[in-house]
């Protein structure tokens, strides 16, 4: 089974749905959103510390 199929199967499971819900709530918090943006920019090479 490919990785994508495994991820898709997990997302459809009750545990996966809970994890997705939790991730959405986390991402909506302004403090967490700022942290996510900082990491994303660092990974993409668009600034950050240093």
PDB file of N, CA and C in Angstrom:
ATOM      1  N   UNK A   1       0.853  -1.178   0.000  1.00  0.00           N
ATOM      2  CA  UNK A   1       0.000   0.000   0.000  1.00  0.00           C
ATOM      3  C   UNK A   1       0.898   1.240   0.000  1.00  0.00           C
ATOM      4  N   UNK A   2       0.572   2.198  -0.864  1.00  0.00           N
ATOM      5  CA  UNK A   2       1.394   3.405  -0.955  1.00  0.00           C
ATOM      6  C   UNK A   2       1.177   4.291   0.265  1.00  0.00           C
ATOM      7  N   UNK A   3       2.114   5.172   0.478  1.00  0.00           N
ATOM      8  CA  UNK A   3       2.045   6.092   1.612  1.00  0.00           C
ATOM      9  C   UNK A   3       0.789   6.954   1.525  1.00  0.00           C
ATOM     10  N   UNK A   4       0.481   7.439   0.318  1.00  0.00           N
ATOM     11  CA  UNK A   4      -0.699   8.284   0.151  1.00  0.00           C
ATOM     12  C   UNK A   4      -1.967   7.539   0.527  1.00  0.00           C
ATOM     13  N   UNK A   5      -2.063   6.285   0.125  1.00  0.00           N
ATOM     14  CA  UNK A   5      -3.256   5.488   0.456  1.00  0.00           C
ATOM     15  C   UNK A   5      -3.367   5.274   1.967  1.00  0.00           C
ATOM     16  N   UNK A   6      -2.215   5.088   2.629  1.00  0.00           N
ATOM     17  CA  UNK A   6      -2.225   4.920   4.080  1.00  0.00           C
ATOM     18  C   UNK A   6      -2.690   6.196   4.770  1.00  0.00           C
ATOM     19  N   UNK A   7      -2.200   7.333   4.292  1.00  0.00           N
ATOM     20  CA  UNK A   7      -2.595   8.621   4.868  1.00  0.00           C
ATOM     21  C   UNK A   7      -4.093   8.852   4.637  1.00  0.00           C
ATOM     22  N   UNK A   8      -4.568   8.550   3.444  1.00  0.00           N
ATOM     23  CA  UNK A   8      -5.983   8.728   3.126  1.00  0.00           C
ATOM     24  C   UNK A   8      -6.856   7.825   4.003  1.00  0.00           C
ATOM     25  N   UNK A   9      -6.428   6.598   4.214  1.00  0.00           N
ATOM     26  CA  UNK A   9      -7.183   5.672   5.053  1.00  0.00           C
ATOM     27  C   UNK A   9      -7.212   6.165   6.496  1.00  0.00           C
ATOM     28  N   UNK A  10      -6.084   6.691   6.976  1.00  0.00           N
ATOM     29  CA  UNK A  10      -6.038   7.227   8.334  1.00  0.00           C
ATOM     30  C   UNK A  10      -6.970   8.428   8.465  1.00  0.00           C
ATOM     31  N   UNK A  11      -6.980   9.298   7.461  1.00  0.00           N
ATOM     32  CA  UNK A  11      -7.813  10.498   7.506  1.00  0.00           C
ATOM     33  C   UNK A  11      -9.297  10.155   7.575  1.00  0.00           C
ATOM     34  N   UNK A  12      -9.664   9.016   7.023  1.00  0.00           N
ATOM     35  CA  UNK A  12     -11.069   8.601   7.028  1.00  0.00           C
ATOM     36  C   UNK A  12     -11.463   7.882   8.318  1.00  0.00           C
ATOM     37  N   UNK A  13     -10.483   7.466   9.088  1.00  0.00           N
ATOM     38  CA  UNK A  13     -10.761   6.735  10.325  1.00  0.00           C
ATOM     39  C   UNK A  13     -11.184   7.706  11.428  1.00  0.00           C
ATOM     40  N   UNK A  14     -11.846   7.196  12.481  1.00  0.00           N
ATOM     41  CA  UNK A  14     -12.228   8.064  13.601  1.00  0.00           C
ATOM     42  C   UNK A  14     -11.023   8.779  14.235  1.00  0.00           C
ATOM     43  N   UNK A  15      -9.907   8.070  14.375  1.00  0.00           N
ATOM     44  CA  UNK A  15      -8.701   8.695  14.941  1.00  0.00           C
ATOM     45  C   UNK A  15      -8.194   9.803  14.033  1.00  0.00           C
ATOM     46  N   UNK A  16      -8.220   9.569  12.735  1.00  0.00           N
ATOM     47  CA  UNK A  16      -7.765  10.561  11.773  1.00  0.00           C
ATOM     48  C   UNK A  16      -8.637  11.797  11.789  1.00  0.00           C
ATOM     49  N   UNK A  17      -9.950  11.590  11.884  1.00  0.00           N
ATOM     50  CA  UNK A  17     -10.877  12.735  11.931  1.00  0.00           C
ATOM     51  C   UNK A  17     -10.624  13.579  13.175  1.00  0.00           C
ATOM     52  N   UNK A  18     -10.368  12.917  14.303  1.00  0.00           N
ATOM     53  CA  UNK A  18     -10.064  13.659  15.536  1.00  0.00           C
ATOM     54  C   UNK A  18      -8.773  14.445  15.386  1.00  0.00           C
ATOM     55  N   UNK A  19      -7.765  13.818  14.779  1.00  0.00           N
ATOM     56  CA  UNK A  19      -6.480  14.485  14.591  1.00  0.00           C
ATOM     57  C   UNK A  19      -6.627  15.704  13.676  1.00  0.00           C
ATOM     58  N   UNK A  20      -7.417  15.566  12.625  1.00  0.00           N
ATOM     59  CA  UNK A  20      -7.635  16.686  11.702  1.00  0.00           C
ATOM     60  C   UNK A  20      -8.363  17.824  12.407  1.00  0.00           C
ATOM     61  N   UNK A  21      -9.377  17.481  13.189  1.00  0.00           N
ATOM     62  CA  UNK A  21     -10.123  18.494  13.942  1.00  0.00           C
ATOM     63  C   UNK A  21      -9.201  19.253  14.903  1.00  0.00           C
ATOM     64  N   UNK A  22      -8.369  18.498  15.614  1.00  0.00           N
ATOM     65  CA  UNK A  22      -7.438  19.088  16.572  1.00  0.00           C
ATOM     66  C   UNK A  22      -6.432  19.994  15.853  1.00  0.00           C
ATOM     67  N   UNK A  23      -5.928  19.558  14.710  1.00  0.00           N
ATOM     68  CA  UNK A  23      -4.963  20.359  13.953  1.00  0.00           C
ATOM     69  C   UNK A  23      -5.599  21.656  13.464  1.00  0.00           C
ATOM     70  N   UNK A  24      -6.841  21.593  13.029  1.00  0.00           N
ATOM     71  CA  UNK A  24      -7.536  22.808  12.575  1.00  0.00           C
ATOM     72  C   UNK A  24      -7.720  23.793  13.723  1.00  0.00           C
ATOM     73  N   UNK A  25      -8.100  23.275  14.897  1.00  0.00           N
ATOM     74  CA  UNK A  25      -8.263  24.162  16.060  1.00  0.00           C
ATOM     75  C   UNK A  25      -6.932  24.803  16.427  1.00  0.00           C
ATOM     76  N   UNK A  26      -5.877  24.023  16.405  1.00  0.00           N
ATOM     77  CA  UNK A  26      -4.542  24.518  16.733  1.00  0.00           C
ATOM     78  C   UNK A  26      -4.128  25.615  15.751  1.00  0.00           C
ATOM     79  N   UNK A  27      -4.382  25.384  14.475  1.00  0.00           N
ATOM     80  CA  UNK A  27      -3.950  26.325  13.443  1.00  0.00           C
ATOM     81  C   UNK A  27      -4.738  27.631  13.484  1.00  0.00           C
ATOM     82  N   UNK A  28      -5.931  27.626  14.059  1.00  0.00           N
ATOM     83  CA  UNK A  28      -6.748  28.837  14.107  1.00  0.00           C
ATOM     84  C   UNK A  28      -6.337  29.777  15.234  1.00  0.00           C
ATOM     85  N   UNK A  29      -5.617  29.294  16.217  1.00  0.00           N
ATOM     86  CA  UNK A  29      -5.156  30.130  17.319  1.00  0.00           C
ATOM     87  C   UNK A  29      -4.099  31.100  16.781  1.00  0.00           C
ATOM     88  N   UNK A  30      -4.272  32.412  17.003  1.00  0.00           N
ATOM     89  CA  UNK A  30      -3.330  33.398  16.446  1.00  0.00           C
ATOM     90  C   UNK A  30      -1.871  33.158  16.843  1.00  0.00           C
ATOM     91  N   UNK A  31      -1.614  32.766  18.092  1.00  0.00           N
ATOM     92  CA  UNK A  31      -0.227  32.504  18.514  1.00  0.00           C
ATOM     93  C   UNK A  31       0.355  31.337  17.735  1.00  0.00           C
ATOM     94  N   UNK A  32      -0.423  30.286  17.601  1.00  0.00           N
ATOM     95  CA  UNK A  32       0.054  29.104  16.886  1.00  0.00           C
ATOM     96  C   UNK A  32       0.209  29.396  15.391  1.00  0.00           C
ATOM     97  N   UNK A  33      -0.696  30.204  14.855  1.00  0.00           N
ATOM     98  CA  UNK A  33      -0.612  30.577  13.447  1.00  0.00           C
ATOM     99  C   UNK A  33       0.702  31.303  13.169  1.00  0.00           C
ATOM    100  N   UNK A  34       1.103  32.173  14.097  1.00  0.00           N
ATOM    101  CA  UNK A  34       2.365  32.892  13.944  1.00  0.00           C
ATOM    102  C   UNK A  34       3.545  31.910  13.975  1.00  0.00           C
ATOM    103  N   UNK A  35       3.502  30.949  14.887  1.00  0.00           N
ATOM    104  CA  UNK A  35       4.568  29.952  14.966  1.00  0.00           C
ATOM    105  C   UNK A  35       4.652  29.132  13.674  1.00  0.00           C
ATOM    106  N   UNK A  36       3.487  28.739  13.166  1.00  0.00           N
ATOM    107  CA  UNK A  36       3.435  27.952  11.936  1.00  0.00           C
ATOM    108  C   UNK A  36       4.037  28.756  10.782  1.00  0.00           C
ATOM    109  N   UNK A  37       3.685  30.041  10.693  1.00  0.00           N
ATOM    110  CA  UNK A  37       4.211  30.892   9.628  1.00  0.00           C
ATOM    111  C   UNK A  37       5.726  31.045   9.735  1.00  0.00           C
ATOM    112  N   UNK A  38       6.241  31.172  10.960  1.00  0.00           N
ATOM    113  CA  UNK A  38       7.682  31.303  11.150  1.00  0.00           C
ATOM    114  C   UNK A  38       8.414  30.048  10.662  1.00  0.00           C
ATOM    115  N   UNK A  39       7.904  28.893  11.027  1.00  0.00           N
ATOM    116  CA  UNK A  39       8.537  27.631  10.615  1.00  0.00           C
ATOM    117  C   UNK A  39       8.437  27.481   9.099  1.00  0.00           C
ATOM    118  N   UNK A  40       7.267  27.787   8.552  1.00  0.00           N
ATOM    119  CA  UNK A  40       7.069  27.677   7.106  1.00  0.00           C
ATOM    120  C   UNK A  40       8.054  28.581   6.365  1.00  0.00           C
ATOM    121  N   UNK A  41       8.210  29.815   6.829  1.00  0.00           N
ATOM    122  CA  UNK A  41       9.128  30.752   6.179  1.00  0.00           C
ATOM    123  C   UNK A  41      10.571  30.283   6.306  1.00  0.00           C
ATOM    124  N   UNK A  42      10.909  29.722   7.453  1.00  0.00           N
ATOM    125  CA  UNK A  42      12.265  29.216   7.648  1.00  0.00           C
ATOM    126  C   UNK A  42      12.549  28.061   6.681  1.00  0.00           C
ATOM    127  N   UNK A  43      11.578  27.164   6.544  1.00  0.00           N
ATOM    128  CA  UNK A  43      11.743  26.001   5.667  1.00  0.00           C
ATOM    129  C   UNK A  43      11.834  26.446   4.204  1.00  0.00           C
ATOM    130  N   UNK A  44      11.014  27.434   3.850  1.00  0.00           N
ATOM    131  CA  UNK A  44      10.987  27.904   2.465  1.00  0.00           C
ATOM    132  C   UNK A  44      12.087  28.925   2.180  1.00  0.00           C
ATOM    133  N   UNK A  45      12.839  29.300   3.215  1.00  0.00           N
ATOM    134  CA  UNK A  45      13.945  30.228   3.030  1.00  0.00           C
ATOM    135  C   UNK A  45      13.516  31.669   2.865  1.00  0.00           C
ATOM    136  N   UNK A  46      12.385  32.032   3.459  1.00  0.00           N
ATOM    137  CA  UNK A  46      11.877  33.401   3.324  1.00  0.00           C
ATOM    138  C   UNK A  46      12.080  34.196   4.597  1.00  0.00           C
ATOM    139  N   UNK A  47      13.219  34.136   5.161  1.00  0.00           N
ATOM    140  CA  UNK A  47      13.479  34.934   6.353  1.00  0.00           C
ATOM    141  C   UNK A  47      13.648  34.073   7.576  1.00  0.00           C
ATOM    142  N   UNK A  48      13.201  34.606   8.689  1.00  0.00           N
ATOM    143  CA  UNK A  48      13.392  33.911   9.952  1.00  0.00           C
ATOM    144  C   UNK A  48      14.566  34.494  10.689  1.00  0.00           C
ATOM    145  N   UNK A  49      14.979  33.822  11.731  1.00  0.00           N
ATOM    146  CA  UNK A  49      16.104  34.320  12.542  1.00  0.00           C
ATOM    147  C   UNK A  49      17.406  33.981  11.852  1.00  0.00           C
ATOM    148  N   UNK A  50      18.373  34.902  11.997  1.00  0.00           N
ATOM    149  CA  UNK A  50      19.686  34.615  11.485  1.00  0.00           C
ATOM    150  C   UNK A  50      20.049  35.444  10.370  1.00  0.00           C
TER     151      UNK A  50
END
